[in-house]
Amino acid sequence: MTAGAGIDTAVIGGGLVGASIVLRETLLGKNVLLIEPGAIGGGATFGNAAMIAVSEVLPMASWSNIFSAPNMLPRPGRALKIDPLYLPKLLPWLWRFGNAANRRDVDRNSALLSRLCARARDATANLLKQAQASDLLIDRDAVRVFRSRSHLEKSASAWERRARLGVQFSLVGTADLKELLPDLDVDAHVGVMVKNYHSLANPQKAAAALVAAAQERGAKVAAERVAKLEVSGKRASILTASGLVIRAGKVVVSAGAHSRGLALSVGDGIPLETERGYHVQFRKPGISLDRAYAFVDEEVAVAPIESDIRFCSFMEFAGLKKPPVKKRFGEIVAKARLLFPDLNVDSASCWMGHRPSLPDSLPVIGRSRSAENVFFCFGHGHLGVTLAAVSADILCGIMNDGRLNADFEALLPDRFL
């Protein structure tokens, strides 16, 4: 069975990145099909920390992170985890990660991330406005919290680098922080408040709202699982698990951590890896937050998700197939109770999902080298919420104008091919 008459753009993947592309293409007057087998906004969009993290402009690939990793791995509660059985499969990615830690690439990628993140808040707000979902943006600056001023000073050089890259922030003293977080247990905390570091009240609802707005303008949704892309000549068609063949003028691969196999099916080997993240979300928490926080020493991000509070942690390398490690949830609960002793932990939900990460901390945005009608937009790592709308703007510009601002050429898939 074949479908696809009149489809200008088929987008594979209904996370926040894919949803942003669907609405942006629809607003440009395109006939758009979204292919998503599950709920819109499922996967990593469902369970992330919901933050528009505009200060995260320093790539994960750095010598400081590489040198600190051996001390982090064996310690219970630390965020970085690697499954020893998965390590052999991970080694090629780690090799590329190490190669990306050279000073030239770090400086270039930091500058690029800063330009992307500087656009993130407004791009997100504009897209939500188009979907009449502006109420999902929590327009309050987030705070990174440290146990003491001495702990903050250990990261002073990183904050100085952020400032040089245009990140705007201010120090929050203990007294002011206590006003913001009256339920926080320890009085000695200090914080850094980052301008435009906002969050979403519910990232899954945000993705669903974008798709719904696109559907009102004529976009379609197919509840199909894509098995592979098939190339004939220089063009690709979509083959679903049910045997449906879908042809479109342009095909966008934006399937998060599952994008690697789809790219490989057209002959493009993108070194995508999954960083498994965990969250525990507390219903009727008994405390309230008016914005998102990152507790640096505890390595946990905390965000209000409507009337709930979500605690997120861990960066675990164990592949796509291994089930969640249950003790991780208990460790998050322990951190939550340490920070907020009055938190009601009796009613909670647990989740583990997959961040799609590339070794240089930059997403892939651009045309496939192997199929002229296939485009990639994935690999955002910890910045999926942050860069979803910005990435959609960039990709739609490439697809419709055929041009890419020279500032963003480092995002092209050619860097890995």
Protein backbone atom coordinates (compact mmCIF):
# COMPACT_ATOMS: atom_id res chain seq x y z
CA MET A 1 0.00 0.00 0.00
CA THR A 2 1.35 3.42 -0.95
CA ALA A 3 0.44 6.84 0.38
CA GLY A 4 1.80 10.30 -0.05
CA ALA A 5 0.02 12.16 -2.84
CA GLY A 6 0.51 15.84 -2.14
CA ILE A 7 2.65 15.47 1.01
CA ASP A 8 5.23 18.26 1.00
CA THR A 9 6.90 17.33 4.28
CA ALA A 10 6.75 14.12 6.30
CA VAL A 11 8.15 14.46 9.83
CA ILE A 12 9.16 11.29 11.67
CA GLY A 13 8.86 11.77 15.41
CA GLY A 14 6.29 13.61 17.54
CA GLY A 15 8.50 14.93 20.33
CA LEU A 16 8.87 18.64 20.94
CA VAL A 17 11.45 19.02 18.17
CA GLY A 18 9.31 17.20 15.61
CA ALA A 19 6.17 19.03 16.74
CA SER A 20 7.94 22.37 16.32
CA ILE A 21 8.94 21.45 12.76
CA VAL A 22 5.40 20.33 11.94
CA LEU A 23 3.86 23.62 13.04
CA ARG A 24 6.59 25.75 11.45
CA GLU A 25 6.21 23.96 8.09
CA THR A 26 2.43 24.22 8.29
CA LEU A 27 2.67 27.95 8.95
CA LEU A 28 4.73 28.18 5.76
CA GLY A 29 1.79 26.72 3.85
CA LYS A 30 3.15 23.20 3.45
CA ASN A 31 1.09 20.03 3.35
CA VAL A 32 2.57 18.21 6.37
CA LEU A 33 2.31 14.66 7.69
CA LEU A 34 3.57 13.75 11.16
CA ILE A 35 4.40 10.08 11.66
CA GLU A 36 4.34 9.07 15.32
CA PRO A 37 3.30 5.64 16.64
CA GLY A 38 2.70 6.72 20.23
CA ALA A 39 1.40 9.74 22.09
CA ILE A 40 2.43 13.15 20.82
CA GLY A 41 5.12 14.41 23.17
CA GLY A 42 5.98 10.95 24.46
CA GLY A 43 9.55 9.78 24.91
CA ALA A 44 12.12 12.24 26.17
CA THR A 45 9.69 15.14 25.75
CA PHE A 46 7.36 13.55 28.27
CA GLY A 47 9.88 13.13 31.05
CA ASN A 48 12.55 15.83 30.77
CA ALA A 49 13.23 18.68 33.20
CA ALA A 50 11.14 21.09 31.07
CA MET A 51 13.83 23.80 31.11
CA ILE A 52 14.75 26.36 28.48
CA ALA A 53 18.32 26.12 29.71
CA VAL A 54 19.91 29.13 28.04
CA SER A 55 23.07 29.07 30.18
CA GLU A 56 24.06 25.55 29.04
CA VAL A 57 26.42 26.85 26.38
CA LEU A 58 29.52 24.89 27.43
CA PRO A 59 29.83 21.54 25.61
CA MET A 60 29.84 18.36 27.66
CA ALA A 61 32.96 17.33 25.72
CA SER A 62 35.70 19.05 27.72
CA TRP A 63 38.89 17.92 29.41
CA SER A 64 37.55 18.96 32.82
CA ASN A 65 34.58 16.61 32.42
CA ILE A 66 36.80 13.82 31.10
CA PHE A 67 39.20 14.11 34.03
CA SER A 68 36.39 14.23 36.60
CA ALA A 69 34.48 11.23 35.19
CA PRO A 70 36.59 8.49 36.88
CA ASN A 71 35.86 10.02 40.29
CA MET A 72 32.13 10.27 39.58
CA LEU A 73 31.43 6.78 38.24
CA PRO A 74 31.94 4.65 41.38
CA ARG A 75 30.12 6.98 43.77
CA PRO A 76 26.47 6.21 44.65
CA GLY A 77 24.10 9.04 43.81
CA ARG A 78 26.40 10.74 41.29
CA ALA A 79 24.69 11.52 38.03
CA LEU A 80 27.08 9.81 35.59
CA LYS A 81 26.57 6.06 35.19
CA ILE A 82 27.94 3.61 32.61
CA ASP A 83 26.75 0.01 32.40
CA PRO A 84 29.98 -2.07 32.18
CA LEU A 85 28.28 -4.50 29.78
CA TYR A 86 27.47 -1.63 27.43
CA LEU A 87 30.93 -0.09 27.52
CA PRO A 88 32.32 -1.93 24.43
CA LYS A 89 29.47 -0.53 22.30
CA LEU A 90 29.98 2.91 23.82
CA LEU A 91 33.72 3.13 23.15
CA PRO A 92 33.48 4.58 19.59
CA TRP A 93 31.21 7.35 20.89
CA LEU A 94 33.56 8.03 23.81
CA TRP A 95 36.46 8.25 21.36
CA ARG A 96 34.64 10.93 19.38
CA PHE A 97 33.69 12.64 22.65
CA GLY A 98 37.37 12.84 23.58
CA ASN A 99 38.30 14.17 20.15
CA ALA A 100 35.69 16.93 20.50
CA ALA A 101 37.32 18.12 23.74
CA ASN A 102 40.13 19.93 21.96
CA ARG A 103 40.30 23.67 22.56
CA ARG A 104 39.47 24.70 18.98
CA ASP A 105 36.27 22.64 18.85
CA VAL A 106 35.22 23.57 22.39
CA ASP A 107 35.60 27.28 21.65
CA ARG A 108 33.74 27.00 18.34
CA ASN A 109 30.95 24.85 19.75
CA SER A 110 30.55 27.08 22.82
CA ALA A 111 30.14 30.12 20.60
CA LEU A 112 27.61 28.27 18.44
CA LEU A 113 25.62 27.02 21.43
CA SER A 114 25.54 30.54 22.83
CA ARG A 115 24.04 31.87 19.59
CA LEU A 116 21.43 29.11 19.57
CA CYS A 117 20.54 29.48 23.23
CA ALA A 118 20.27 33.27 22.96
CA ARG A 119 17.35 32.74 20.56
CA ALA A 120 15.71 29.94 22.54
CA ARG A 121 13.33 31.72 24.88
CA ASP A 122 11.81 34.05 22.26
CA ALA A 123 11.61 31.33 19.60
CA THR A 124 9.77 29.06 22.04
CA ALA A 125 7.42 31.84 23.14
CA ASN A 126 6.61 32.76 19.53
CA LEU A 127 5.80 29.18 18.56
CA LEU A 128 3.61 28.67 21.63
CA LYS A 129 1.81 31.91 20.79
CA GLN A 130 1.04 30.57 17.32
CA ALA A 131 -0.49 27.53 19.01
CA GLN A 132 -2.42 29.69 21.50
CA ALA A 133 -0.53 27.90 24.27
CA SER A 134 1.42 30.78 25.81
CA ASP A 135 0.14 29.78 29.24
CA LEU A 136 2.48 26.77 29.11
CA LEU A 137 5.55 29.03 29.34
CA ILE A 138 6.68 29.69 32.93
CA ASP A 139 8.17 33.12 32.38
CA ARG A 140 10.38 33.26 35.47
CA ASP A 141 14.16 33.04 35.53
CA ALA A 142 15.44 29.72 36.84
CA VAL A 143 18.06 29.44 39.57
CA ARG A 144 21.10 27.18 39.87
CA VAL A 145 21.59 26.48 43.56
CA PHE A 146 24.86 25.74 45.38
CA ARG A 147 25.34 24.61 48.97
CA SER A 148 27.60 27.56 49.78
CA ARG A 149 29.51 30.41 48.22
CA SER A 150 32.68 28.30 48.29
CA HIS A 151 30.93 25.63 46.20
CA LEU A 152 29.86 28.31 43.73
CA GLU A 153 33.40 29.66 43.53
CA LYS A 154 34.64 26.27 42.35
CA SER A 155 32.72 26.87 39.12
CA ALA A 156 33.66 30.55 38.83
CA SER A 157 35.70 30.05 35.65
CA ALA A 158 32.75 28.36 33.93
CA TRP A 159 30.46 31.26 34.83
CA GLU A 160 33.07 33.73 33.58
CA ARG A 161 33.12 31.87 30.26
CA ARG A 162 29.33 32.00 30.10
CA ALA A 163 29.41 35.73 30.74
CA ARG A 164 31.88 36.24 27.88
CA LEU A 165 29.47 34.29 25.67
CA GLY A 166 26.62 36.66 26.51
CA VAL A 167 24.80 34.73 29.24
CA GLN A 168 23.29 37.18 31.72
CA PHE A 169 22.97 36.17 35.36
CA SER A 170 23.02 37.54 38.89
CA LEU A 171 23.98 36.19 42.30
CA VAL A 172 21.18 35.24 44.69
CA GLY A 173 22.21 35.47 48.34
CA THR A 174 21.06 33.16 51.10
CA ALA A 175 18.33 35.50 52.36
CA ASP A 176 16.83 36.05 48.90
CA LEU A 177 17.05 32.35 48.13
CA LYS A 178 15.20 31.57 51.33
CA GLU A 179 12.36 33.82 50.14
CA LEU A 180 12.24 31.98 46.84
CA LEU A 181 12.52 28.54 48.48
CA PRO A 182 11.05 28.70 51.99
CA ASP A 183 10.77 24.90 52.08
CA LEU A 184 14.47 24.34 51.36
CA ASP A 185 16.08 22.73 54.40
CA VAL A 186 19.57 24.25 54.52
CA ASP A 187 20.05 27.99 55.10
CA ALA A 188 23.60 28.19 53.70
CA HIS A 189 22.62 27.89 50.03
CA VAL A 190 23.40 30.54 47.42
CA GLY A 191 22.25 30.68 43.83
CA VAL A 192 22.75 32.06 40.36
CA MET A 193 19.64 33.40 38.60
CA VAL A 194 19.93 33.25 34.81
CA LYS A 195 18.01 35.65 32.62
CA ASN A 196 15.56 33.97 30.21
CA TYR A 197 16.27 30.52 31.72
CA HIS A 198 12.56 29.69 31.72
CA SER A 199 10.62 26.44 31.66
CA LEU A 200 7.45 24.78 30.40
CA ALA A 201 4.56 23.92 32.66
CA ASN A 202 4.19 20.63 30.81
CA PRO A 203 6.45 19.82 27.82
CA GLN A 204 4.22 17.00 26.59
CA LYS A 205 1.22 19.34 26.49
CA ALA A 206 3.36 21.89 24.67
CA ALA A 207 4.20 19.37 21.93
CA ALA A 208 0.56 18.31 21.68
CA ALA A 209 -0.56 21.94 21.43
CA LEU A 210 1.85 22.61 18.56
CA VAL A 211 0.63 19.56 16.65
CA ALA A 212 -3.01 20.41 17.34
CA ALA A 213 -2.45 23.92 15.98
CA ALA A 214 -0.86 22.41 12.88
CA GLN A 215 -3.78 20.03 12.44
CA GLU A 216 -6.20 22.95 12.56
CA ARG A 217 -4.27 24.31 9.59
CA GLY A 218 -4.47 21.03 7.67
CA ALA A 219 -1.57 18.89 8.92
CA LYS A 220 -2.18 15.15 9.27
CA VAL A 221 -0.95 12.61 11.83
CA ALA A 222 -0.26 8.94 11.04
CA ALA A 223 -0.02 6.54 13.97
CA GLU A 224 2.63 4.40 12.28
CA ARG A 225 6.03 3.12 13.34
CA VAL A 226 8.70 3.74 10.71
CA ALA A 227 10.75 0.63 9.98
CA LYS A 228 13.26 2.24 7.65
CA LEU A 229 13.83 4.64 4.80
CA GLU A 230 14.28 3.14 1.34
CA VAL A 231 16.45 4.94 -1.19
CA SER A 232 15.82 4.78 -4.91
CA GLY A 233 18.17 6.91 -6.94
CA LYS A 234 18.81 9.90 -4.73
CA ARG A 235 15.41 10.02 -3.04
CA ALA A 236 13.98 8.13 -0.09
CA SER A 237 10.53 6.87 0.77
CA ILE A 238 9.27 5.79 4.17
CA LEU A 239 8.47 2.15 4.92
CA THR A 240 6.34 1.60 8.02
CA ALA A 241 6.18 -1.52 10.18
CA SER A 242 2.68 -2.20 8.84
CA GLY A 243 3.97 -2.26 5.24
CA LEU A 244 2.77 1.20 4.24
CA VAL A 245 5.02 3.10 1.84
CA ILE A 246 4.89 6.87 2.28
CA ARG A 247 6.38 9.24 -0.28
CA ALA A 248 6.90 12.92 0.43
CA GLY A 249 8.69 15.83 -1.12
CA LYS A 250 10.84 16.11 2.00
CA VAL A 251 11.37 13.62 4.81
CA VAL A 252 12.52 14.86 8.23
CA VAL A 253 14.10 12.43 10.68
CA SER A 254 13.42 13.81 14.15
CA ALA A 255 12.88 10.64 16.15
CA GLY A 256 15.11 11.40 19.12
CA ALA A 257 17.29 8.53 20.28
CA HIS A 258 15.75 6.29 17.61
CA SER A 259 17.02 8.46 14.77
CA ARG A 260 20.35 6.71 14.36
CA GLY A 261 18.91 3.61 12.67
CA LEU A 262 16.77 5.68 10.31
CA ALA A 263 19.78 7.73 9.25
CA LEU A 264 21.80 4.57 8.78
CA SER A 265 19.07 3.09 6.56
CA VAL A 266 19.85 5.77 3.96
CA GLY A 267 23.60 5.30 4.39
CA ASP A 268 24.42 8.10 6.84
CA GLY A 269 26.28 6.94 9.94
CA ILE A 270 25.57 9.54 12.64
CA PRO A 271 27.23 8.68 16.00
CA LEU A 272 24.08 9.12 18.09
CA GLU A 273 24.02 7.70 21.60
CA THR A 274 21.34 7.58 24.27
CA GLU A 275 21.83 9.19 27.65
CA ARG A 276 19.21 7.64 29.88
CA GLY A 277 17.58 10.09 32.28
CA TYR A 278 15.29 9.41 35.24
CA HIS A 279 12.62 11.38 37.02
CA VAL A 280 10.33 11.03 39.99
CA GLN A 281 7.25 13.24 39.91
CA PHE A 282 5.39 13.96 43.13
CA ARG A 283 1.65 14.56 43.11
CA LYS A 284 0.17 16.67 45.90
CA PRO A 285 3.74 17.51 46.96
CA GLY A 286 2.76 19.72 49.89
CA ILE A 287 5.25 22.38 48.79
CA SER A 288 5.19 24.77 45.85
CA LEU A 289 7.68 26.11 43.33
CA ASP A 290 7.09 29.08 41.04
CA ARG A 291 10.04 28.30 38.73
CA ALA A 292 12.64 25.69 37.83
CA TYR A 293 15.78 25.02 39.87
CA ALA A 294 18.98 23.04 39.40
CA PHE A 295 20.65 21.87 42.61
CA VAL A 296 24.25 21.59 41.46
CA ASP A 297 25.79 19.69 44.36
CA GLU A 298 22.95 17.16 44.48
CA GLU A 299 23.00 16.86 40.66
CA VAL A 300 19.24 17.12 40.41
CA ALA A 301 16.93 19.40 38.41
CA VAL A 302 13.59 20.34 39.92
CA ALA A 303 10.66 21.81 38.01
CA PRO A 304 6.97 22.52 38.63
CA ILE A 305 4.91 20.45 36.22
CA GLU A 306 1.47 22.01 36.60
CA SER A 307 0.47 21.15 40.20
CA ASP A 308 3.17 18.46 40.54
CA ILE A 309 6.90 18.75 41.20
CA ARG A 310 9.36 16.77 39.10
CA PHE A 311 12.89 15.80 40.21
CA CYS A 312 15.23 14.73 37.40
CA SER A 313 18.69 13.20 37.58
CA PHE A 314 21.24 10.80 36.07
CA MET A 315 23.09 10.58 32.81
CA GLU A 316 23.28 6.85 32.25
CA PHE A 317 24.85 5.06 29.31
CA ALA A 318 23.24 1.63 28.94
CA GLY A 319 21.65 1.60 25.49
CA LEU A 320 18.05 1.60 24.34
CA LYS A 321 17.00 -1.88 25.46
CA LYS A 322 17.99 -2.24 29.10
CA PRO A 323 15.10 -1.64 31.53
CA PRO A 324 15.33 1.14 34.12
CA VAL A 325 17.61 0.57 37.09
CA LYS A 326 15.06 0.76 39.89
CA LYS A 327 17.43 1.96 42.58
CA ARG A 328 17.92 5.19 40.63
CA PHE A 329 14.39 6.21 41.57
CA GLY A 330 15.12 5.63 45.25
CA GLU A 331 18.24 7.78 44.97
CA ILE A 332 16.20 10.63 43.48
CA VAL A 333 13.63 10.36 46.27
CA ALA A 334 16.44 10.50 48.83
CA LYS A 335 17.81 13.68 47.23
CA ALA A 336 14.33 15.22 47.16
CA ARG A 337 13.76 14.52 50.85
CA LEU A 338 17.20 15.87 51.72
CA LEU A 339 16.42 19.16 50.03
CA PHE A 340 12.76 19.41 51.05
CA PRO A 341 12.00 17.48 54.25
CA ASP A 342 8.34 18.52 54.13
CA LEU A 343 7.85 17.13 50.62
CA ASN A 344 4.98 14.63 50.45
CA VAL A 345 6.47 11.56 48.76
CA ASP A 346 3.45 9.28 49.21
CA SER A 347 2.11 9.75 45.68
CA ALA A 348 4.74 9.66 42.96
CA SER A 349 5.31 8.40 39.43
CA CYS A 350 8.64 7.17 38.06
CA TRP A 351 10.00 7.44 34.52
CA MET A 352 13.14 6.64 32.55
CA GLY A 353 13.77 7.91 29.03
CA HIS A 354 16.41 8.48 26.38
CA ARG A 355 18.17 11.73 25.59
CA PRO A 356 19.54 11.64 22.01
CA SER A 357 23.14 12.82 22.35
CA LEU A 358 25.99 13.46 19.96
CA PRO A 359 29.62 13.53 21.11
CA ASP A 360 30.23 17.23 20.38
CA SER A 361 27.06 18.41 22.23
CA LEU A 362 25.60 19.89 19.03
CA PRO A 363 22.48 18.60 17.27
CA VAL A 364 22.50 17.47 13.66
CA ILE A 365 20.44 19.83 11.50
CA GLY A 366 20.61 19.59 7.73
CA ARG A 367 20.30 17.50 4.59
CA SER A 368 21.36 13.87 4.32
CA ARG A 369 24.40 13.30 2.15
CA SER A 370 22.88 10.11 0.72
CA ALA A 371 19.27 11.09 -0.06
CA GLU A 372 18.47 14.53 -1.38
CA ASN A 373 14.96 14.69 0.09
CA VAL A 374 15.93 13.53 3.61
CA PHE A 375 16.76 16.01 6.37
CA PHE A 376 17.94 15.42 9.92
CA CYS A 377 17.04 17.28 13.09
CA PHE A 378 18.05 15.30 16.17
CA GLY A 379 20.73 14.79 18.80
CA HIS A 380 19.90 17.69 21.12
CA GLY A 381 21.05 15.89 24.27
CA HIS A 382 20.07 17.92 27.34
CA LEU A 383 18.81 20.81 25.19
CA GLY A 384 15.76 19.34 23.48
CA VAL A 385 13.28 21.71 25.12
CA THR A 386 15.74 24.58 24.88
CA LEU A 387 16.48 24.31 21.17
CA ALA A 388 13.34 22.74 19.71
CA ALA A 389 11.87 25.94 18.30
CA VAL A 390 15.26 27.33 17.22
CA SER A 391 16.11 24.08 15.45
CA ALA A 392 12.77 24.11 13.65
CA ASP A 393 13.48 27.63 12.40
CA ILE A 394 16.93 26.63 11.14
CA LEU A 395 15.79 23.42 9.47
CA CYS A 396 12.78 24.98 7.78
CA GLY A 397 15.06 27.69 6.45
CA ILE A 398 17.36 25.06 4.97
CA MET A 399 14.49 23.07 3.45
CA ASN A 400 12.65 26.03 1.96
CA ASP A 401 15.37 28.56 1.16
CA GLY A 402 18.17 26.13 0.43
CA ARG A 403 20.57 28.27 2.43
CA LEU A 404 22.19 28.04 5.84
CA ASN A 405 23.63 30.89 7.83
CA ALA A 406 27.39 30.35 7.95
CA ASP A 407 27.22 30.56 11.76
CA PHE A 408 25.35 27.24 11.80
CA GLU A 409 27.36 25.20 9.30
CA ALA A 410 28.88 23.18 12.17
CA LEU A 411 25.42 21.65 12.72
CA LEU A 412 25.38 19.90 9.34
CA PRO A 413 25.56 16.08 9.30
CA ASP A 414 28.60 16.29 7.03
CA ARG A 415 30.78 16.81 10.10
CA PHE A 416 30.40 13.11 10.90
CA LEU A 417 30.39 11.67 7.38
